[in-house]
Amino acid sequence: MSQPPTCPICYYAYDDELVIPKLLSCGNHHSVCHKCLAELLKTSNPKCPLCQASLQRAMSCFRDNNDIIDSFNYIKRVQERECLSSCSKCHLQGDEEMFVVCSSCFNNGSLAEVDLKALCVACFSKCHKDHETVPLVEMRAMKTAEMLRSRLVSYTNYNKTIGSYISEILPYLTESESLSNSLADMAEHARSSKILKKISKTFDDDTKYLTEAIKKFQDEMVLTFLTLLKNKIQIQKIHIKSMKAFCTVQKEVPKKPEVQFQIISSVFLIFALLKLLFIHLTTRVKKEKVTNDNTASQ
């Protein structure tokens, strides 16, 4: 069955009393109810809610939409006819209180079949003489109650079945939850092990680096010590040679005071130069060591 048209603003169905349709002046045959139109005309620039065309501002410019009113009246008449009951024999129409149902013949029928078995009093007296009668309204109520009881039993059985399924599934859900927690613990343990391995690797790398740095430092210290020792040995050799030369010269030169003084002065000068050379070499080695340490740290 067609539904009656409604107002596009308040969505109430049109009628000929309370929600009267008013034809708008937009030129597209659009309508709204008279109450919504009154509110619409209060705005500064009233427009059609469907096509947004500008509207006139006076309520007197809008007439009733008789097409919609006629459609509403037609639907109303159809609905009223459908609400009437009819006799299954002579097809007499009227209110449901005018009809009865033979309870002797129609005992096991369904609710959908009640209206198909309705009879007027005249047809009942002709076709079902001496049978028991039940008013159509009462028979409809009885069949409705039977249908509801049947559905209630079905729903109860359905709920029991669902409950049994839930009881069967619940242990599996509990086991699944336990398994999920175990997997989460295993994943956490795996992450912890991975972190420990990473820390251990970092510690091993740092230990290896420190070991290599200590070994390099020891090697540099030994090399520095050997260099200093070598320089000192060379200076000692030069010193010994100088002493031997001094003794030889002292034996060969005449024992004149001025000559001996000159020789002694030369020897002391050589000793002083050797000492300065030793200090210079020692300082140079230390500077090279400091430079190497700074380069390694960078």
C-alpha atoms as a PDB file:
ATOM      1  CA  MET A   1       0.000   0.000   0.000  1.00  0.00           C
ATOM      2  CA  SER A   2       1.258   3.490  -0.867  1.00  0.00           C
ATOM      3  CA  GLN A   3       2.286   5.662   2.046  1.00  0.00           C
ATOM      4  CA  PRO A   4       0.836   9.197   2.276  1.00  0.00           C
ATOM      5  CA  PRO A   5       3.251  12.003   1.266  1.00  0.00           C
ATOM      6  CA  THR A   6       5.030  13.873   4.044  1.00  0.00           C
ATOM      7  CA  CYS A   7       6.291  17.408   4.650  1.00  0.00           C
ATOM      8  CA  PRO A   8      10.024  17.676   3.713  1.00  0.00           C
ATOM      9  CA  ILE A   9      10.716  19.809   6.814  1.00  0.00           C
ATOM     10  CA  CYS A  10       8.853  18.173   9.728  1.00  0.00           C
ATOM     11  CA  TYR A  11       8.268  14.784   8.000  1.00  0.00           C
ATOM     12  CA  TYR A  12       4.654  14.555   9.231  1.00  0.00           C
ATOM     13  CA  ALA A  13       2.184  12.942   6.836  1.00  0.00           C
ATOM     14  CA  TYR A  14      -0.144  15.410   5.133  1.00  0.00           C
ATOM     15  CA  ASP A  15      -3.870  15.430   5.945  1.00  0.00           C
ATOM     16  CA  ASP A  16      -6.795  17.773   5.413  1.00  0.00           C
ATOM     17  CA  GLU A  17      -6.985  19.079   8.991  1.00  0.00           C
ATOM     18  CA  LEU A  18      -3.706  19.376  10.971  1.00  0.00           C
ATOM     19  CA  VAL A  19      -0.891  19.029   8.413  1.00  0.00           C
ATOM     20  CA  ILE A  20      -2.326  20.830   5.395  1.00  0.00           C
ATOM     21  CA  PRO A  21       0.000  20.881   2.332  1.00  0.00           C
ATOM     22  CA  LYS A  22       0.722  24.328   0.856  1.00  0.00           C
ATOM     23  CA  LEU A  23       1.887  24.664  -2.752  1.00  0.00           C
ATOM     24  CA  LEU A  24       5.078  26.773  -2.930  1.00  0.00           C
ATOM     25  CA  SER A  25       5.735  29.497  -5.505  1.00  0.00           C
ATOM     26  CA  CYS A  26       9.041  27.986  -6.672  1.00  0.00           C
ATOM     27  CA  GLY A  27       7.444  26.718  -9.899  1.00  0.00           C
ATOM     28  CA  ASN A  28       8.467  23.072  -9.308  1.00  0.00           C
ATOM     29  CA  HIS A  29       5.211  21.973  -7.658  1.00  0.00           C
ATOM     30  CA  HIS A  30       6.905  21.533  -4.269  1.00  0.00           C
ATOM     31  CA  SER A  31       4.922  21.656  -1.032  1.00  0.00           C
ATOM     32  CA  VAL A  32       5.372  22.012   2.728  1.00  0.00           C
ATOM     33  CA  CYS A  33       2.817  21.947   5.528  1.00  0.00           C
ATOM     34  CA  HIS A  34       1.204  25.211   6.575  1.00  0.00           C
ATOM     35  CA  LYS A  35       2.984  25.277   9.974  1.00  0.00           C
ATOM     36  CA  CYS A  36       6.457  24.871   8.457  1.00  0.00           C
ATOM     37  CA  LEU A  37       5.608  27.453   5.773  1.00  0.00           C
ATOM     38  CA  ALA A  38       4.700  29.992   8.477  1.00  0.00           C
ATOM     39  CA  GLU A  39       8.103  29.452  10.135  1.00  0.00           C
ATOM     40  CA  LEU A  40       9.847  29.603   6.762  1.00  0.00           C
ATOM     41  CA  LEU A  41       8.301  32.983   5.907  1.00  0.00           C
ATOM     42  CA  LYS A  42       9.688  34.462   9.148  1.00  0.00           C
ATOM     43  CA  THR A  43      13.242  34.233   7.775  1.00  0.00           C
ATOM     44  CA  SER A  44      14.852  37.136   5.925  1.00  0.00           C
ATOM     45  CA  ASN A  45      15.179  35.248   2.638  1.00  0.00           C
ATOM     46  CA  PRO A  46      12.678  32.363   2.461  1.00  0.00           C
ATOM     47  CA  LYS A  47      13.612  29.623  -0.013  1.00  0.00           C
ATOM     48  CA  CYS A  48      12.135  26.328  -1.123  1.00  0.00           C
ATOM     49  CA  PRO A  49      13.734  23.572   1.024  1.00  0.00           C
ATOM     50  CA  LEU A  50      13.942  21.270  -2.020  1.00  0.00           C
ATOM     51  CA  CYS A  51      15.174  23.456  -4.922  1.00  0.00           C
ATOM     52  CA  GLN A  52      16.348  26.576  -2.986  1.00  0.00           C
ATOM     53  CA  ALA A  53      14.270  28.912  -5.193  1.00  0.00           C
ATOM     54  CA  SER A  54      13.219  32.215  -3.610  1.00  0.00           C
ATOM     55  CA  LEU A  55       9.652  32.407  -2.299  1.00  0.00           C
ATOM     56  CA  GLN A  56       7.069  35.163  -1.872  1.00  0.00           C
ATOM     57  CA  ARG A  57       6.676  36.488   1.653  1.00  0.00           C
ATOM     58  CA  ALA A  58       2.848  36.627   2.061  1.00  0.00           C
ATOM     59  CA  MET A  59       1.000  33.544   3.334  1.00  0.00           C
ATOM     60  CA  SER A  60      -1.987  34.464   1.127  1.00  0.00           C
ATOM     61  CA  CYS A  61       0.112  33.747  -1.965  1.00  0.00           C
ATOM     62  CA  PHE A  62       0.230  30.019  -1.174  1.00  0.00           C
ATOM     63  CA  ARG A  63      -2.842  27.863  -1.856  1.00  0.00           C
ATOM     64  CA  ASP A  64      -3.604  24.375  -0.616  1.00  0.00           C
ATOM     65  CA  ASN A  65      -2.134  21.547  -2.695  1.00  0.00           C
ATOM     66  CA  ASN A  66      -5.408  19.797  -3.555  1.00  0.00           C
ATOM     67  CA  ASP A  67      -3.605  17.029  -5.446  1.00  0.00           C
ATOM     68  CA  ILE A  68      -1.919  15.864  -2.237  1.00  0.00           C
ATOM     69  CA  ILE A  69      -5.144  16.245  -0.241  1.00  0.00           C
ATOM     70  CA  ASP A  70      -7.044  14.136  -2.796  1.00  0.00           C
ATOM     71  CA  SER A  71      -4.287  11.514  -2.672  1.00  0.00           C
ATOM     72  CA  PHE A  72      -4.491  11.442   1.133  1.00  0.00           C
ATOM     73  CA  ASN A  73      -8.265  11.001   1.062  1.00  0.00           C
ATOM     74  CA  TYR A  74      -7.969   8.161  -1.459  1.00  0.00           C
ATOM     75  CA  ILE A  75      -5.399   6.308   0.687  1.00  0.00           C
ATOM     76  CA  LYS A  76      -7.604   6.863   3.730  1.00  0.00           C
ATOM     77  CA  ARG A  77     -10.609   5.311   1.991  1.00  0.00           C
ATOM     78  CA  VAL A  78      -8.545   2.310   0.857  1.00  0.00           C
ATOM     79  CA  GLN A  79      -7.264   1.769   4.388  1.00  0.00           C
ATOM     80  CA  GLU A  80     -10.787   1.964   5.786  1.00  0.00           C
ATOM     81  CA  ARG A  81     -11.980  -0.636   3.275  1.00  0.00           C
ATOM     82  CA  GLU A  82      -9.082  -2.924   4.151  1.00  0.00           C
ATOM     83  CA  CYS A  83      -9.969  -2.692   7.835  1.00  0.00           C
ATOM     84  CA  LEU A  84     -13.412  -4.143   7.126  1.00  0.00           C
ATOM     85  CA  SER A  85     -14.007  -7.858   7.523  1.00  0.00           C
ATOM     86  CA  SER A  86     -16.034  -9.887   5.042  1.00  0.00           C
ATOM     87  CA  CYS A  87     -18.011 -13.118   4.943  1.00  0.00           C
ATOM     88  CA  SER A  88     -16.148 -15.986   3.274  1.00  0.00           C
ATOM     89  CA  LYS A  89     -19.436 -17.164   1.632  1.00  0.00           C
ATOM     90  CA  CYS A  90     -21.512 -14.157   0.568  1.00  0.00           C
ATOM     91  CA  HIS A  91     -18.641 -11.586   0.807  1.00  0.00           C
ATOM     92  CA  LEU A  92     -20.708  -9.220   2.915  1.00  0.00           C
ATOM     93  CA  GLN A  93     -18.427  -6.492   4.342  1.00  0.00           C
ATOM     94  CA  GLY A  94     -18.697  -4.861   7.731  1.00  0.00           C
ATOM     95  CA  ASP A  95     -17.087  -4.467  11.149  1.00  0.00           C
ATOM     96  CA  GLU A  96     -15.445  -7.559  12.596  1.00  0.00           C
ATOM     97  CA  GLU A  97     -18.078  -7.706  15.369  1.00  0.00           C
ATOM     98  CA  MET A  98     -20.638  -8.752  12.710  1.00  0.00           C
ATOM     99  CA  PHE A  99     -18.866 -12.059  11.916  1.00  0.00           C
ATOM    100  CA  VAL A 100     -18.339 -15.390  13.653  1.00  0.00           C
ATOM    101  CA  VAL A 101     -16.188 -18.487  13.151  1.00  0.00           C
ATOM    102  CA  CYS A 102     -17.341 -22.102  13.457  1.00  0.00           C
ATOM    103  CA  SER A 103     -15.248 -23.563  16.269  1.00  0.00           C
ATOM    104  CA  SER A 104     -16.296 -27.131  15.342  1.00  0.00           C
ATOM    105  CA  CYS A 105     -14.932 -26.871  11.800  1.00  0.00           C
ATOM    106  CA  PHE A 106     -12.115 -24.412  12.460  1.00  0.00           C
ATOM    107  CA  ASN A 107     -10.300 -25.756  15.496  1.00  0.00           C
ATOM    108  CA  ASN A 108      -6.764 -26.404  14.297  1.00  0.00           C
ATOM    109  CA  GLY A 109      -6.423 -23.503  11.870  1.00  0.00           C
ATOM    110  CA  SER A 110      -3.748 -20.822  12.088  1.00  0.00           C
ATOM    111  CA  LEU A 111      -4.121 -17.097  12.739  1.00  0.00           C
ATOM    112  CA  ALA A 112      -3.657 -16.340   9.038  1.00  0.00           C
ATOM    113  CA  GLU A 113      -6.684 -18.526   8.216  1.00  0.00           C
ATOM    114  CA  VAL A 114      -9.101 -16.937  10.696  1.00  0.00           C
ATOM    115  CA  ASP A 115     -10.311 -14.167   8.376  1.00  0.00           C
ATOM    116  CA  LEU A 116     -10.694 -16.710   5.543  1.00  0.00           C
ATOM    117  CA  LYS A 117     -13.184 -18.694   7.671  1.00  0.00           C
ATOM    118  CA  ALA A 118     -15.270 -15.729   8.896  1.00  0.00           C
ATOM    119  CA  LEU A 119     -19.034 -16.012   8.286  1.00  0.00           C
ATOM    120  CA  CYS A 120     -21.945 -13.692   8.644  1.00  0.00           C
ATOM    121  CA  VAL A 121     -24.824 -14.848  10.876  1.00  0.00           C
ATOM    122  CA  ALA A 122     -27.034 -15.738   7.901  1.00  0.00           C
ATOM    123  CA  CYS A 123     -24.420 -17.902   6.179  1.00  0.00           C
ATOM    124  CA  PHE A 124     -23.460 -19.553   9.461  1.00  0.00           C
ATOM    125  CA  SER A 125     -27.065 -20.548  10.187  1.00  0.00           C
ATOM    126  CA  LYS A 126     -27.332 -22.076   6.711  1.00  0.00           C
ATOM    127  CA  CYS A 127     -23.987 -23.920   6.466  1.00  0.00           C
ATOM    128  CA  HIS A 128     -23.097 -24.736  10.085  1.00  0.00           C
ATOM    129  CA  LYS A 129     -26.404 -25.416  11.762  1.00  0.00           C
ATOM    130  CA  ASP A 130     -26.097 -26.834  15.299  1.00  0.00           C
ATOM    131  CA  HIS A 131     -22.316 -26.037  15.368  1.00  0.00           C
ATOM    132  CA  GLU A 132     -20.708 -23.966  18.058  1.00  0.00           C
ATOM    133  CA  THR A 133     -19.762 -20.419  17.141  1.00  0.00           C
ATOM    134  CA  VAL A 134     -17.029 -18.129  18.337  1.00  0.00           C
ATOM    135  CA  PRO A 135     -16.999 -14.406  17.535  1.00  0.00           C
ATOM    136  CA  LEU A 136     -14.356 -13.451  14.976  1.00  0.00           C
ATOM    137  CA  VAL A 137     -12.696 -11.067  17.459  1.00  0.00           C
ATOM    138  CA  GLU A 138     -12.458 -13.791  20.112  1.00  0.00           C
ATOM    139  CA  MET A 139     -11.172 -16.414  17.650  1.00  0.00           C
ATOM    140  CA  ARG A 140      -8.537 -13.995  16.405  1.00  0.00           C
ATOM    141  CA  ALA A 141      -7.434 -13.314  20.006  1.00  0.00           C
ATOM    142  CA  MET A 142      -7.290 -17.065  20.759  1.00  0.00           C
ATOM    143  CA  LYS A 143      -5.173 -17.804  17.681  1.00  0.00           C
ATOM    144  CA  THR A 144      -2.927 -14.844  18.470  1.00  0.00           C
ATOM    145  CA  ALA A 145      -2.359 -16.216  21.994  1.00  0.00           C
ATOM    146  CA  GLU A 146      -1.618 -19.685  20.571  1.00  0.00           C
ATOM    147  CA  MET A 147       0.871 -18.213  18.134  1.00  0.00           C
ATOM    148  CA  LEU A 148       2.592 -16.236  20.902  1.00  0.00           C
ATOM    149  CA  ARG A 149       2.778 -19.327  23.150  1.00  0.00           C
ATOM    150  CA  SER A 150       4.229 -21.350  20.284  1.00  0.00           C
ATOM    151  CA  ARG A 151       6.816 -18.673  19.581  1.00  0.00           C
ATOM    152  CA  LEU A 152       7.632 -18.436  23.293  1.00  0.00           C
ATOM    153  CA  VAL A 153       8.277 -22.191  23.408  1.00  0.00           C
ATOM    154  CA  SER A 154      10.407 -21.941  20.279  1.00  0.00           C
ATOM    155  CA  TYR A 155      12.394 -19.037  21.728  1.00  0.00           C
ATOM    156  CA  THR A 156      12.829 -20.924  25.022  1.00  0.00           C
ATOM    157  CA  ASN A 157      14.130 -24.002  23.210  1.00  0.00           C
ATOM    158  CA  TYR A 158      16.347 -21.787  21.099  1.00  0.00           C
ATOM    159  CA  ASN A 159      17.784 -20.118  24.202  1.00  0.00           C
ATOM    160  CA  LYS A 160      18.434 -23.546  25.750  1.00  0.00           C
ATOM    161  CA  THR A 161      20.222 -24.665  22.593  1.00  0.00           C
ATOM    162  CA  ILE A 162      22.300 -21.497  22.553  1.00  0.00           C
ATOM    163  CA  GLY A 163      23.074 -22.000  26.256  1.00  0.00           C
ATOM    164  CA  SER A 164      24.278 -25.556  25.617  1.00  0.00           C
ATOM    165  CA  TYR A 165      26.444 -24.314  22.751  1.00  0.00           C
ATOM    166  CA  ILE A 166      27.898 -21.635  25.012  1.00  0.00           C
ATOM    167  CA  SER A 167      28.616 -24.239  27.712  1.00  0.00           C
ATOM    168  CA  GLU A 168      30.446 -26.356  25.142  1.00  0.00           C
ATOM    169  CA  ILE A 169      32.380 -23.438  23.689  1.00  0.00           C
ATOM    170  CA  LEU A 170      33.313 -21.842  27.043  1.00  0.00           C
ATOM    171  CA  PRO A 171      36.106 -24.365  27.880  1.00  0.00           C
ATOM    172  CA  TYR A 172      37.608 -23.799  24.447  1.00  0.00           C
ATOM    173  CA  LEU A 173      37.460 -20.052  24.987  1.00  0.00           C
ATOM    174  CA  THR A 174      39.164 -20.446  28.373  1.00  0.00           C
ATOM    175  CA  GLU A 175      41.833 -22.659  26.837  1.00  0.00           C
ATOM    176  CA  SER A 176      42.257 -20.199  23.983  1.00  0.00           C
ATOM    177  CA  GLU A 177      42.681 -17.334  26.448  1.00  0.00           C
ATOM    178  CA  SER A 178      45.260 -19.346  28.409  1.00  0.00           C
ATOM    179  CA  LEU A 179      47.114 -20.156  25.188  1.00  0.00           C
ATOM    180  CA  SER A 180      47.008 -16.502  24.194  1.00  0.00           C
ATOM    181  CA  ASN A 181      48.496 -15.495  27.567  1.00  0.00           C
ATOM    182  CA  SER A 182      51.210 -18.146  27.184  1.00  0.00           C
ATOM    183  CA  LEU A 183      52.065 -16.863  23.728  1.00  0.00           C
ATOM    184  CA  ALA A 184      52.210 -13.320  25.095  1.00  0.00           C
ATOM    185  CA  ASP A 185      54.587 -14.471  27.868  1.00  0.00           C
ATOM    186  CA  MET A 186      56.749 -16.282  25.313  1.00  0.00           C
ATOM    187  CA  ALA A 187      56.850 -13.187  23.129  1.00  0.00           C
ATOM    188  CA  GLU A 188      57.834 -11.059  26.141  1.00  0.00           C
ATOM    189  CA  HIS A 189      60.524 -13.571  27.086  1.00  0.00           C
ATOM    190  CA  ALA A 190      61.810 -13.553  23.516  1.00  0.00           C
ATOM    191  CA  ARG A 191      61.967  -9.766  23.569  1.00  0.00           C
ATOM    192  CA  SER A 192      63.800  -9.849  26.917  1.00  0.00           C
ATOM    193  CA  SER A 193      66.275 -12.442  25.603  1.00  0.00           C
ATOM    194  CA  LYS A 194      66.862 -10.336  22.534  1.00  0.00           C
ATOM    195  CA  ILE A 195      67.552  -7.284  24.705  1.00  0.00           C
ATOM    196  CA  LEU A 196      69.950  -9.296  26.907  1.00  0.00           C
ATOM    197  CA  LYS A 197      71.765 -10.572  23.822  1.00  0.00           C
ATOM    198  CA  LYS A 198      72.064  -7.027  22.551  1.00  0.00           C
ATOM    199  CA  ILE A 199      73.424  -5.832  25.915  1.00  0.00           C
ATOM    200  CA  SER A 200      75.866  -8.768  26.026  1.00  0.00           C
ATOM    201  CA  LYS A 201      77.073  -8.008  22.494  1.00  0.00           C
ATOM    202  CA  THR A 202      77.550  -4.338  23.388  1.00  0.00           C
ATOM    203  CA  PHE A 203      79.515  -5.347  26.507  1.00  0.00           C
ATOM    204  CA  ASP A 204      81.682  -7.733  24.474  1.00  0.00           C
ATOM    205  CA  ASP A 205      82.346  -5.034  21.881  1.00  0.00           C
ATOM    206  CA  ASP A 206      83.292  -2.525  24.585  1.00  0.00           C
ATOM    207  CA  THR A 207      85.546  -5.089  26.297  1.00  0.00           C
ATOM    208  CA  LYS A 208      87.255  -5.887  23.004  1.00  0.00           C
ATOM    209  CA  TYR A 209      87.761  -2.192  22.283  1.00  0.00           C
ATOM    210  CA  LEU A 210      89.220  -1.544  25.749  1.00  0.00           C
ATOM    211  CA  THR A 211      91.503  -4.585  25.472  1.00  0.00           C
ATOM    212  CA  GLU A 212      92.810  -3.398  22.122  1.00  0.00           C
ATOM    213  CA  ALA A 213      93.262   0.139  23.467  1.00  0.00           C
ATOM    214  CA  ILE A 214      95.214  -1.145  26.506  1.00  0.00           C
ATOM    215  CA  LYS A 215      97.392  -3.360  24.312  1.00  0.00           C
ATOM    216  CA  LYS A 216      98.055  -0.466  21.944  1.00  0.00           C
ATOM    217  CA  PHE A 217      98.935   1.773  24.898  1.00  0.00           C
ATOM    218  CA  GLN A 218     101.291  -0.883  26.291  1.00  0.00           C
ATOM    219  CA  ASP A 219     102.940  -1.303  22.901  1.00  0.00           C
ATOM    220  CA  GLU A 220     103.395   2.452  22.598  1.00  0.00           C
ATOM    221  CA  MET A 221     104.873   2.632  26.124  1.00  0.00           C
ATOM    222  CA  VAL A 222     107.320  -0.182  25.346  1.00  0.00           C
ATOM    223  CA  LEU A 223     108.246   1.486  22.057  1.00  0.00           C
ATOM    224  CA  THR A 224     108.750   4.808  23.830  1.00  0.00           C
ATOM    225  CA  PHE A 225     110.862   3.165  26.537  1.00  0.00           C
ATOM    226  CA  LEU A 226     112.962   1.352  23.940  1.00  0.00           C
ATOM    227  CA  THR A 227     113.430   4.599  21.992  1.00  0.00           C
ATOM    228  CA  LEU A 228     114.549   6.425  25.120  1.00  0.00           C
ATOM    229  CA  LEU A 229     116.834   3.552  26.083  1.00  0.00           C
ATOM    230  CA  LYS A 230     118.309   3.452  22.602  1.00  0.00           C
ATOM    231  CA  ASN A 231     118.931   7.204  22.655  1.00  0.00           C
ATOM    232  CA  LYS A 232     120.474   6.956  26.091  1.00  0.00           C
ATOM    233  CA  ILE A 233     122.763   4.108  24.978  1.00  0.00           C
ATOM    234  CA  GLN A 234     123.863   6.127  21.964  1.00  0.00           C
ATOM    235  CA  ILE A 235     124.589   9.117  24.174  1.00  0.00           C
ATOM    236  CA  GLN A 236     126.521   6.862  26.590  1.00  0.00           C
ATOM    237  CA  LYS A 237     128.549   5.536  23.702  1.00  0.00           C
ATOM    238  CA  ILE A 238     129.319   9.070  22.572  1.00  0.00           C
ATOM    239  CA  HIS A 239     130.223   9.951  26.152  1.00  0.00           C
ATOM    240  CA  ILE A 240     132.586   6.969  26.418  1.00  0.00           C
ATOM    241  CA  LYS A 241     134.205   7.829  23.132  1.00  0.00           C
ATOM    242  CA  SER A 242     134.612  11.392  24.289  1.00  0.00           C
ATOM    243  CA  MET A 243     136.211  10.257  27.548  1.00  0.00           C
ATOM    244  CA  LYS A 244     138.593   7.985  25.676  1.00  0.00           C
ATOM    245  CA  ALA A 245     139.478  10.775  23.303  1.00  0.00           C
ATOM    246  CA  PHE A 246     139.976  13.113  26.221  1.00  0.00           C
ATOM    247  CA  CYS A 247     142.317  10.680  27.959  1.00  0.00           C
ATOM    248  CA  THR A 248     144.288  10.135  24.774  1.00  0.00           C
ATOM    249  CA  VAL A 249     144.584  13.789  24.079  1.00  0.00           C
ATOM    250  CA  GLN A 250     145.567  14.480  27.663  1.00  0.00           C
ATOM    251  CA  LYS A 251     148.416  12.021  27.382  1.00  0.00           C
ATOM    252  CA  GLU A 252     149.646  13.361  24.098  1.00  0.00           C
ATOM    253  CA  VAL A 253     149.366  17.092  24.609  1.00  0.00           C
ATOM    254  CA  PRO A 254     151.965  18.986  26.583  1.00  0.00           C
ATOM    255  CA  LYS A 255     151.109  19.593  30.186  1.00  0.00           C
ATOM    256  CA  LYS A 256     150.657  23.262  29.807  1.00  0.00           C
ATOM    257  CA  PRO A 257     147.915  24.837  31.871  1.00  0.00           C
ATOM    258  CA  GLU A 258     146.396  26.848  29.031  1.00  0.00           C
ATOM    259  CA  VAL A 259     146.225  23.841  26.714  1.00  0.00           C
ATOM    260  CA  GLN A 260     144.706  21.605  29.366  1.00  0.00           C
ATOM    261  CA  PHE A 261     142.134  24.266  30.200  1.00  0.00           C
ATOM    262  CA  GLN A 262     141.133  24.540  26.569  1.00  0.00           C
ATOM    263  CA  ILE A 263     140.748  20.779  26.319  1.00  0.00           C
ATOM    264  CA  ILE A 264     138.684  20.558  29.510  1.00  0.00           C
ATOM    265  CA  SER A 265     136.441  23.391  28.317  1.00  0.00           C
ATOM    266  CA  SER A 266     135.839  21.581  25.034  1.00  0.00           C
ATOM    267  CA  VAL A 267     134.963  18.360  26.843  1.00  0.00           C
ATOM    268  CA  PHE A 268     132.472  20.122  29.139  1.00  0.00           C
ATOM    269  CA  LEU A 269     130.909  21.804  26.105  1.00  0.00           C
ATOM    270  CA  ILE A 270     130.496  18.431  24.424  1.00  0.00           C
ATOM    271  CA  PHE A 271     128.915  17.009  27.603  1.00  0.00           C
ATOM    272  CA  ALA A 272     126.497  19.953  27.752  1.00  0.00           C
ATOM    273  CA  LEU A 273     125.537  19.483  24.094  1.00  0.00           C
ATOM    274  CA  LEU A 274     124.941  15.763  24.672  1.00  0.00           C
ATOM    275  CA  LYS A 275     122.701  16.518  27.647  1.00  0.00           C
ATOM    276  CA  LEU A 276     120.694  19.027  25.609  1.00  0.00           C
ATOM    277  CA  LEU A 277     120.377  16.467  22.811  1.00  0.00           C
ATOM    278  CA  PHE A 278     119.069  13.852  25.271  1.00  0.00           C
ATOM    279  CA  ILE A 279     116.515  16.314  26.690  1.00  0.00           C
ATOM    280  CA  HIS A 280     115.416  17.283  23.167  1.00  0.00           C
ATOM    281  CA  LEU A 281     114.908  13.644  22.128  1.00  0.00           C
ATOM    282  CA  THR A 282     112.990  12.840  25.294  1.00  0.00           C
ATOM    283  CA  THR A 283     110.656  15.832  24.812  1.00  0.00           C
ATOM    284  CA  ARG A 284     110.080  14.939  21.162  1.00  0.00           C
ATOM    285  CA  VAL A 285     109.143  11.354  22.017  1.00  0.00           C
ATOM    286  CA  LYS A 286     106.659  12.552  24.654  1.00  0.00           C
ATOM    287  CA  LYS A 287     105.041  14.995  22.201  1.00  0.00           C
ATOM    288  CA  GLU A 288     104.680  12.274  19.573  1.00  0.00           C
ATOM    289  CA  LYS A 289     103.038  10.008  22.155  1.00  0.00           C
ATOM    290  CA  VAL A 290     100.523  12.721  23.158  1.00  0.00           C
ATOM    291  CA  THR A 291      99.707  13.383  19.487  1.00  0.00           C
ATOM    292  CA  ASN A 292      99.120   9.671  18.844  1.00  0.00           C
ATOM    293  CA  ASP A 293      96.847   9.396  21.910  1.00  0.00           C
ATOM    294  CA  ASN A 294      94.733  12.359  20.755  1.00  0.00           C
ATOM    295  CA  THR A 295      94.408  10.915  17.255  1.00  0.00           C
ATOM    296  CA  ALA A 296      93.342   7.525  18.619  1.00  0.00           C
ATOM    297  CA  SER A 297      90.720   9.057  20.926  1.00  0.00           C
ATOM    298  CA  GLN A 298      89.199  11.018  18.015  1.00  0.00           C
END
